[in-house]
Protein backbone atom coordinates (compact mmCIF):
# COMPACT_ATOMS: atom_id res chain seq x y z
CA MET A 1 -19.46 -12.71 -36.97
CA SER A 2 -23.38 -13.76 -36.48
CA PHE A 3 -25.86 -15.43 -34.33
CA GLN A 4 -26.26 -18.00 -36.98
CA GLN A 5 -22.70 -18.95 -36.92
CA LEU A 6 -23.00 -19.21 -32.92
CA VAL A 7 -26.26 -21.39 -33.52
CA SER A 8 -24.31 -23.51 -35.59
CA ILE A 9 -21.38 -24.47 -33.38
CA ILE A 10 -20.61 -25.47 -29.95
CA PRO A 11 -17.92 -23.68 -28.07
CA VAL A 12 -15.64 -26.15 -25.88
CA PHE A 13 -13.97 -24.17 -23.07
CA GLU A 14 -10.20 -24.86 -22.97
CA GLN A 15 -8.36 -22.39 -20.35
CA VAL A 16 -8.64 -19.13 -18.66
CA GLU A 17 -5.64 -17.10 -17.38
CA SER A 18 -4.76 -13.89 -15.97
CA PHE A 19 -2.14 -11.68 -16.89
CA THR A 20 -0.61 -8.29 -16.39
CA THR A 21 2.38 -7.86 -18.52
CA ALA A 22 2.98 -7.82 -22.18
CA GLN A 23 3.11 -10.73 -24.39
CA THR A 24 2.90 -12.44 -27.55
CA ILE A 25 0.73 -15.32 -28.17
CA VAL A 26 0.95 -17.87 -30.69
CA SER A 27 -2.60 -19.58 -30.89
CA PRO A 28 -2.93 -23.05 -32.14
CA PRO A 29 -4.64 -23.77 -35.46
CA ASP A 30 -7.60 -24.93 -33.50
CA ARG A 31 -7.99 -22.57 -30.44
CA HIS A 32 -9.81 -19.18 -30.52
CA LEU A 33 -8.97 -16.95 -27.71
CA ILE A 34 -11.09 -13.87 -26.02
CA ILE A 35 -8.91 -11.18 -24.22
CA VAL A 36 -10.80 -9.35 -21.32
CA VAL A 37 -9.58 -6.27 -20.08
CA LEU A 38 -10.23 -5.97 -16.18
CA ARG A 39 -8.11 -2.78 -15.82
CA GLY A 40 -6.23 -0.48 -17.83
CA HIS A 41 -6.10 -0.65 -21.72
CA LEU A 42 -3.96 -2.82 -24.05
CA LEU A 43 -2.35 -2.41 -27.27
CA ILE A 44 -3.19 -5.54 -29.47
CA SER A 45 -2.05 -6.52 -33.05
CA GLY A 46 -2.45 -9.57 -34.90
CA CYS A 47 -0.36 -10.77 -37.90
CA ASN A 48 0.68 -8.23 -40.23
CA GLN A 49 -1.63 -5.89 -38.84
CA GLU A 50 -1.83 -2.32 -36.93
CA PRO A 51 -2.09 -2.17 -32.94
CA VAL A 52 -5.51 -1.17 -31.74
CA MET A 53 -6.52 0.28 -28.32
CA VAL A 54 -8.52 -2.09 -26.47
CA ALA A 55 -10.23 -1.22 -23.23
CA GLN A 56 -12.79 -3.98 -23.03
CA GLY A 57 -12.47 -6.96 -25.19
CA PHE A 58 -10.83 -8.55 -28.24
CA ALA A 59 -11.16 -11.94 -30.03
CA CYS A 60 -8.20 -13.47 -31.62
CA PRO A 61 -8.97 -16.34 -34.21
CA PRO A 62 -6.44 -18.80 -35.06
CA ASP A 63 -5.90 -17.58 -38.94
CA HIS A 64 -4.35 -14.19 -37.34
CA SER A 65 -1.91 -15.81 -34.93
CA PRO A 66 0.50 -14.64 -33.63
CA PHE A 67 -0.78 -11.79 -31.37
CA THR A 68 1.08 -9.19 -29.75
CA ILE A 69 -0.14 -7.64 -26.58
CA GLN A 70 1.38 -4.53 -25.34
CA VAL A 71 0.96 -2.88 -21.83
CA PRO A 72 1.28 0.90 -22.00
CA LYS A 73 4.81 1.88 -20.22
CA THR A 74 3.37 4.33 -17.80
CA LYS A 75 0.27 2.25 -16.81
CA THR A 76 -0.95 -1.13 -15.36
CA ALA A 77 -3.15 -3.46 -16.86
CA GLU A 78 -4.69 -6.75 -15.93
CA TYR A 79 -6.29 -8.72 -18.33
CA ILE A 80 -7.74 -12.59 -18.78
CA ILE A 81 -7.15 -14.56 -22.04
CA ILE A 82 -9.93 -17.48 -22.29
CA SER A 83 -8.98 -20.20 -24.95
CA TYR A 84 -11.78 -22.31 -26.42
CA ARG A 85 -12.30 -24.38 -29.51
CA ILE A 86 -15.67 -24.76 -31.71
CA PHE A 87 -17.07 -27.97 -32.66
CA PRO A 88 -17.81 -29.12 -35.40
CA GLU A 89 -14.31 -27.78 -36.60
CA ASN A 90 -14.96 -27.00 -40.06
CA ARG A 91 -18.00 -24.45 -39.09
CA SER A 92 -17.45 -20.66 -39.76
CA TRP A 93 -16.62 -18.69 -36.88
CA THR A 94 -15.33 -15.11 -37.78
CA LEU A 95 -15.38 -13.54 -34.13
CA HIS A 96 -12.50 -11.26 -34.43
CA GLY A 97 -11.12 -7.80 -33.26
CA PRO A 98 -12.36 -5.39 -30.95
CA LEU A 99 -15.59 -6.37 -28.54
CA ARG A 100 -17.68 -3.84 -26.45
CA THR A 101 -20.00 -4.27 -23.98
CA PHE A 102 -22.20 -2.49 -21.53
CA SER A 103 -22.12 -5.42 -19.10
CA GLU A 104 -18.68 -5.50 -17.61
CA VAL A 105 -19.99 -6.17 -14.14
CA LYS A 106 -21.95 -9.49 -15.55
CA ILE A 107 -18.75 -10.38 -17.78
CA LYS A 108 -16.55 -10.12 -14.35
CA TYR A 109 -18.81 -12.29 -12.06
CA MET A 110 -18.69 -15.15 -14.80
CA LEU A 111 -15.11 -14.63 -15.03
CA ASP A 112 -14.69 -15.16 -11.56
CA GLU A 113 -17.26 -18.08 -11.69
CA LEU A 114 -15.17 -19.57 -14.58
CA ILE A 115 -11.96 -19.34 -12.59
CA ARG A 116 -13.35 -20.83 -9.58
CA THR A 117 -14.84 -23.63 -11.64
CA THR A 118 -11.64 -24.43 -13.28
CA GLU A 119 -9.29 -24.34 -10.38
CA ASP A 120 -11.90 -26.89 -8.32
CA ILE A 121 -10.46 -29.75 -9.34
CA ASP A 122 -11.19 -31.92 -6.11
CA THR A 123 -14.26 -33.20 -7.83
CA PRO A 124 -16.03 -36.35 -5.99
CA SER A 125 -16.98 -38.10 -9.11
CA GLU A 126 -17.08 -38.37 -12.84
CA GLU A 127 -20.46 -37.08 -12.83
CA ALA A 128 -19.35 -34.10 -10.94
CA HIS A 129 -16.51 -33.46 -13.32
CA LEU A 130 -18.94 -33.62 -16.47
CA VAL A 131 -21.11 -30.91 -14.33
CA GLN A 132 -18.40 -28.65 -14.03
CA GLN A 133 -17.52 -29.01 -18.09
CA VAL A 134 -20.99 -28.36 -18.36
CA ARG A 135 -21.08 -25.59 -16.20
CA LYS A 136 -17.84 -23.94 -17.92
CA ARG A 137 -19.33 -24.40 -21.61
CA LEU A 138 -22.47 -22.34 -20.66
CA ILE A 139 -20.29 -19.50 -19.25
CA LEU A 140 -18.24 -19.14 -22.33
CA GLU A 141 -21.63 -19.31 -24.43
CA ARG A 142 -22.93 -16.52 -22.06
CA ILE A 143 -20.03 -14.48 -22.48
CA LEU A 144 -19.88 -14.66 -26.46
CA PHE A 145 -23.29 -14.13 -26.43
CA ILE A 146 -22.81 -10.82 -24.44
CA TYR A 147 -19.86 -9.79 -26.96
CA LEU A 148 -21.57 -10.60 -30.05
CA TYR A 149 -24.77 -8.90 -29.06
CA GLU A 150 -23.56 -5.75 -27.27
CA THR A 151 -20.80 -5.28 -29.89
CA GLN A 152 -23.18 -5.39 -32.45
CA TRP A 153 -25.58 -3.35 -30.84
CA THR A 154 -22.74 -0.38 -30.76
CA GLN A 155 -22.23 -0.94 -34.49
CA GLU A 156 -25.83 -0.67 -35.44
CA ASP A 157 -26.10 2.22 -33.29
CA LYS A 158 -24.00 4.97 -35.15
CA SER A 159 -26.64 7.17 -35.38
CA SER A 160 -27.12 7.19 -31.54
CA ALA A 161 -23.17 7.80 -30.94
CA ALA A 162 -23.66 10.94 -33.51
CA SER A 163 -26.79 12.14 -31.24
CA MET A 164 -24.62 11.69 -28.04
CA GLU A 165 -22.05 13.72 -29.53
CA GLU A 166 -24.36 16.21 -30.50
CA SER A 167 -25.71 16.23 -26.94
CA LEU A 168 -22.67 17.06 -25.39
CA SER A 169 -22.20 19.80 -27.68
CA TYR A 170 -25.56 20.98 -26.80
CA MET A 171 -24.74 20.81 -23.14
CA ASN A 172 -21.38 22.93 -23.60
CA GLU A 173 -23.03 25.71 -25.30
CA HIS A 174 -26.53 25.76 -22.96
CA TYR A 175 -24.94 24.65 -19.49
CA MET A 176 -26.46 27.91 -18.05
CA LEU A 177 -30.03 26.54 -18.73
CA LYS A 178 -31.98 24.35 -16.68
CA LEU A 179 -31.02 20.79 -18.33
CA THR A 180 -32.80 17.54 -17.15
CA LEU A 181 -32.16 13.95 -18.24
CA PRO A 182 -35.67 13.61 -19.50
CA MET A 183 -35.20 16.66 -21.53
CA LEU A 184 -31.91 15.83 -22.97
CA ALA A 185 -32.63 12.10 -23.80
CA GLU A 186 -36.12 13.19 -25.32
CA ARG A 187 -33.91 15.64 -27.67
CA ALA A 188 -31.48 13.01 -28.29
CA GLY A 189 -34.34 10.78 -29.44
CA MET A 190 -33.85 7.95 -26.64
CA SER A 191 -35.05 6.58 -23.68
CA VAL A 192 -33.71 7.90 -20.42
CA GLY A 193 -32.16 4.37 -20.01
CA HIS A 194 -30.55 4.10 -23.00
CA TYR A 195 -29.47 7.48 -23.10
CA THR A 196 -27.88 7.05 -19.55
CA VAL A 197 -26.12 4.11 -20.58
CA LEU A 198 -24.68 5.42 -23.58
CA PHE A 199 -23.76 8.64 -21.79
CA LYS A 200 -21.89 7.06 -19.28
CA THR A 201 -20.05 4.84 -21.81
CA LEU A 202 -19.17 8.15 -23.83
CA THR A 203 -17.92 10.48 -20.51
CA GLY A 204 -17.44 7.79 -18.10
CA ASP A 205 -19.82 10.14 -15.72
CA THR A 206 -23.41 10.73 -14.94
CA MET A 207 -25.29 13.46 -17.03
CA SER A 208 -25.85 15.24 -13.64
CA HIS A 209 -22.03 15.31 -12.45
CA TYR A 210 -20.92 15.95 -15.87
CA LEU A 211 -23.14 19.24 -16.12
CA ARG A 212 -22.03 20.14 -12.51
CA ARG A 213 -18.35 19.82 -13.51
CA LEU A 214 -18.86 21.74 -16.63
CA ARG A 215 -20.68 24.54 -14.82
CA ILE A 216 -18.02 24.98 -12.28
CA GLN A 217 -15.34 24.83 -14.89
CA LYS A 218 -16.89 27.45 -16.79
CA ALA A 219 -17.25 29.59 -13.44
CA LYS A 220 -13.82 29.32 -12.91
CA GLN A 221 -12.92 30.84 -16.45
CA MET A 222 -15.09 33.48 -15.76
CA PHE A 223 -13.37 34.52 -12.32
CA GLN A 224 -9.96 34.25 -14.13
CA GLN A 225 -11.31 36.29 -16.98
CA THR A 226 -13.72 38.78 -15.65
CA HIS A 227 -14.26 40.99 -12.27
CA LEU A 228 -17.92 39.95 -11.86
CA PRO A 229 -19.21 39.27 -8.39
CA ALA A 230 -19.48 35.71 -7.36
CA LYS A 231 -23.29 35.82 -6.78
CA GLU A 232 -23.46 36.82 -10.59
CA VAL A 233 -21.24 34.28 -11.78
CA ALA A 234 -23.05 31.83 -10.32
CA GLN A 235 -26.37 32.81 -11.74
CA LEU A 236 -24.73 32.89 -15.38
CA VAL A 237 -23.30 29.23 -15.17
CA GLY A 238 -26.69 27.99 -13.99
CA PHE A 239 -27.02 27.89 -10.01
CA MET A 240 -30.07 30.27 -9.08
CA ASP A 241 -28.96 29.29 -5.38
CA TYR A 242 -25.63 30.91 -4.46
CA PHE A 243 -24.93 28.79 -1.36
CA HIS A 244 -25.49 25.58 -3.50
CA PHE A 245 -23.06 27.03 -6.00
CA SER A 246 -20.65 27.75 -3.61
CA ARG A 247 -20.83 24.17 -1.80
CA THR A 248 -20.71 22.58 -5.17
CA PHE A 249 -17.45 24.72 -6.13
CA LYS A 250 -15.70 23.73 -2.95
CA GLN A 251 -16.52 19.89 -3.68
CA GLU A 252 -15.19 20.33 -7.32
CA THR A 253 -12.28 22.44 -6.72
CA GLY A 254 -11.59 21.92 -2.96
CA SER A 255 -11.72 25.59 -2.22
CA SER A 256 -14.75 28.14 -1.92
CA PRO A 257 -15.57 30.78 -4.52
CA THR A 258 -14.04 33.43 -1.88
CA ASP A 259 -10.49 31.38 -1.22
CA PHE A 260 -10.35 30.80 -5.09
CA LEU A 261 -10.57 34.39 -6.14
CA LYS A 262 -7.98 35.55 -3.21
CA SER A 263 -5.81 32.99 -4.77
CA LEU A 264 -6.41 34.77 -8.17
CA ASP A 265 -5.50 38.28 -6.44
CA LYS A 266 -1.93 36.59 -5.27
CA ILE A 267 -1.05 35.88 -9.21
């Protein structure tokens, strides 16, 4: 898949539907599909292919049909399938497999608009109907652009992914030091904005909250494995202010350090 291909074709919107259950989809020879996961995750496989876990998006070209969509038995999921054609039909269009994006909110907004426009069938005139068709095509093109750009960015940014893994390892080993977002971003060779986005994508959390939870986790381990006073443990895990430590500990665990130590004495 490439932007050269997107420049040479016109994607023609066909249909958009929402689902929550597993199914097998047989795509017509001229239909391409985009599966967008709104909640949970899916296992998706094409013809004679191993299932892959999908948490964001998946492109289904017709030459890999049928596609089997599985929803984990113990989980719930919600997803949308967009069906579209390309014009001219003989143009190459190789968008296939898992799609990644940092713009889930934008995608969700555009899907809502796409569904609303599709369901609004009471168009007062032929011209209004044509306006709707153009609007749906433009939304589809924007969705394709985001997936193409950000999936490609992710694939080309493997060095950044490795830097993020190293950054997490550094935090886990040096959690007791004064760690700041600008310092960690500089150490990883990234801008603060880029580091923030990648950190949230990798951990599902902000850097500050991740570090806070990590320090409290280490404090709990020290309480369980040593007989050190709570104030000393607080300093060892990176809290210079005991009252800040106590308040944070209760926020993360539901009990104060004193109550946590008492519970250990009862075991």
